[in-house]
Each structure stands twice: as C-alpha cells, then as structure tokens.
Amino acid sequence: MNWMTITWPMVAAACLTLGLIEMGIGLAQRPRAPRLLFALSAFTVACVAALELALMQTDELAEWWLAACRTIGLPLPDML
C-alpha cells in the first residue's frame, strides 16, 4: 500500500466534508452565492482527487488514460 493510496482519499473526504458543511450553511443563510460556490469548488477538488488516484493506479494506459484525461477536464473550469 502506497502513501498516495491513503492520502488521496483523505484529501477527497476532507473536501467533501467541507463542501457539505458549506452547502448546508449556504442553503440556510443569506448571502448564498459565496458559500455555494465554495461548496462547488470543494466538490470539484474531491472529484479531481478521485480521478487522479484512479489514474495513478491504472495499468491500462492507452485508452483509459485518454478517457480519464477528458473526464478530468470537465470539473476543472468549476474550480476557476
């Protein structure tokens, strides 16, 4: 078991936790937009971390790598 196998899911879990907390607060209080955008950004980082971990652990590099690189490009504009 590699240290990245432990660290990447922990990063994704921390981002999901922060995103859920901020989404709950953002839905309950005003102004909503900054908190909901932060929650969206946290969920995006969690998705990217999961895709990076999947890319690090794959053995089939050719077509799966290209499909994952296309998929990882979808949530990245949300972070910006």
Protein backbone atom coordinates (compact mmCIF):
# COMPACT_ATOMS: atom_id res chain seq x y z
CA MET A 1 0.00 0.00 0.00
CA ASN A 2 1.44 3.28 -1.13
CA TRP A 3 1.22 6.55 0.81
CA MET A 4 -0.74 8.08 -2.07
CA THR A 5 -3.39 5.39 -1.76
CA ILE A 6 -4.06 6.64 1.76
CA THR A 7 -3.54 10.38 1.26
CA TRP A 8 -5.65 10.98 -1.86
CA PRO A 9 -8.90 9.54 -0.41
CA MET A 10 -8.27 11.54 2.77
CA VAL A 11 -7.99 14.73 0.71
CA ALA A 12 -11.18 13.86 -1.17
CA ALA A 13 -13.00 13.12 2.09
CA ALA A 14 -11.88 16.41 3.64
CA CYS A 15 -13.06 18.31 0.56
CA LEU A 16 -16.41 16.53 0.59
CA THR A 17 -16.83 17.26 4.30
CA LEU A 18 -16.09 20.95 3.86
CA GLY A 19 -18.32 21.09 0.81
CA LEU A 20 -21.26 19.52 2.63
CA ILE A 21 -20.84 21.85 5.61
CA GLU A 22 -20.67 24.93 3.40
CA MET A 23 -23.60 23.76 1.30
CA GLY A 24 -25.71 23.29 4.42
CA ILE A 25 -24.83 26.75 5.69
CA GLY A 26 -25.26 28.27 2.24
CA LEU A 27 -28.75 26.86 1.86
CA ALA A 28 -29.79 28.11 5.30
CA GLN A 29 -28.37 31.64 5.37
CA ARG A 30 -28.08 34.64 3.11
CA PRO A 31 -25.97 35.59 1.10
CA ARG A 32 -25.95 32.17 -0.51
CA ALA A 33 -23.78 32.56 -3.58
CA PRO A 34 -20.29 32.67 -1.97
CA ARG A 35 -20.91 29.66 0.23
CA LEU A 36 -22.50 27.61 -2.54
CA LEU A 37 -19.65 28.45 -4.92
CA PHE A 38 -17.16 27.36 -2.27
CA ALA A 39 -19.09 24.11 -1.87
CA LEU A 40 -19.00 23.57 -5.63
CA SER A 41 -15.26 24.21 -5.63
CA ALA A 42 -14.73 21.72 -2.79
CA PHE A 43 -16.75 19.06 -4.63
CA THR A 44 -14.69 19.72 -7.76
CA VAL A 45 -11.41 19.22 -5.90
CA ALA A 46 -12.76 15.94 -4.48
CA CYS A 47 -13.65 14.73 -7.98
CA VAL A 48 -10.24 15.68 -9.33
CA ALA A 49 -8.52 13.88 -6.42
CA ALA A 50 -10.53 10.72 -7.11
CA LEU A 51 -9.69 10.84 -10.82
CA GLU A 52 -6.01 11.42 -10.08
CA LEU A 53 -5.95 8.40 -7.77
CA ALA A 54 -7.62 6.30 -10.46
CA LEU A 55 -5.04 7.48 -13.00
CA MET A 56 -2.19 6.59 -10.66
CA GLN A 57 -3.49 3.07 -10.08
CA THR A 58 -4.38 2.07 -13.64
CA ASP A 59 -2.38 -0.46 -15.61
CA GLU A 60 -4.11 0.09 -18.94
CA LEU A 61 -2.55 3.31 -20.08
CA ALA A 62 -3.71 3.77 -23.64
CA GLU A 63 -7.45 4.30 -23.97
CA TRP A 64 -8.35 4.58 -20.27
CA TRP A 65 -5.77 7.31 -19.75
CA LEU A 66 -7.21 9.36 -22.61
CA ALA A 67 -10.77 8.90 -21.35
CA ALA A 68 -9.78 9.90 -17.82
CA CYS A 69 -7.92 12.98 -19.06
CA ARG A 70 -11.03 14.05 -20.94
CA THR A 71 -13.13 13.44 -17.83
CA ILE A 72 -10.78 15.36 -15.54
CA GLY A 73 -11.14 18.37 -17.79
CA LEU A 74 -14.87 18.64 -17.05
CA PRO A 75 -14.76 19.73 -13.38
CA LEU A 76 -11.67 21.93 -13.67
CA PRO A 77 -13.43 25.07 -15.00
CA ASP A 78 -15.68 24.96 -11.93
CA MET A 79 -12.67 25.48 -9.69
CA LEU A 80 -11.65 28.63 -11.50
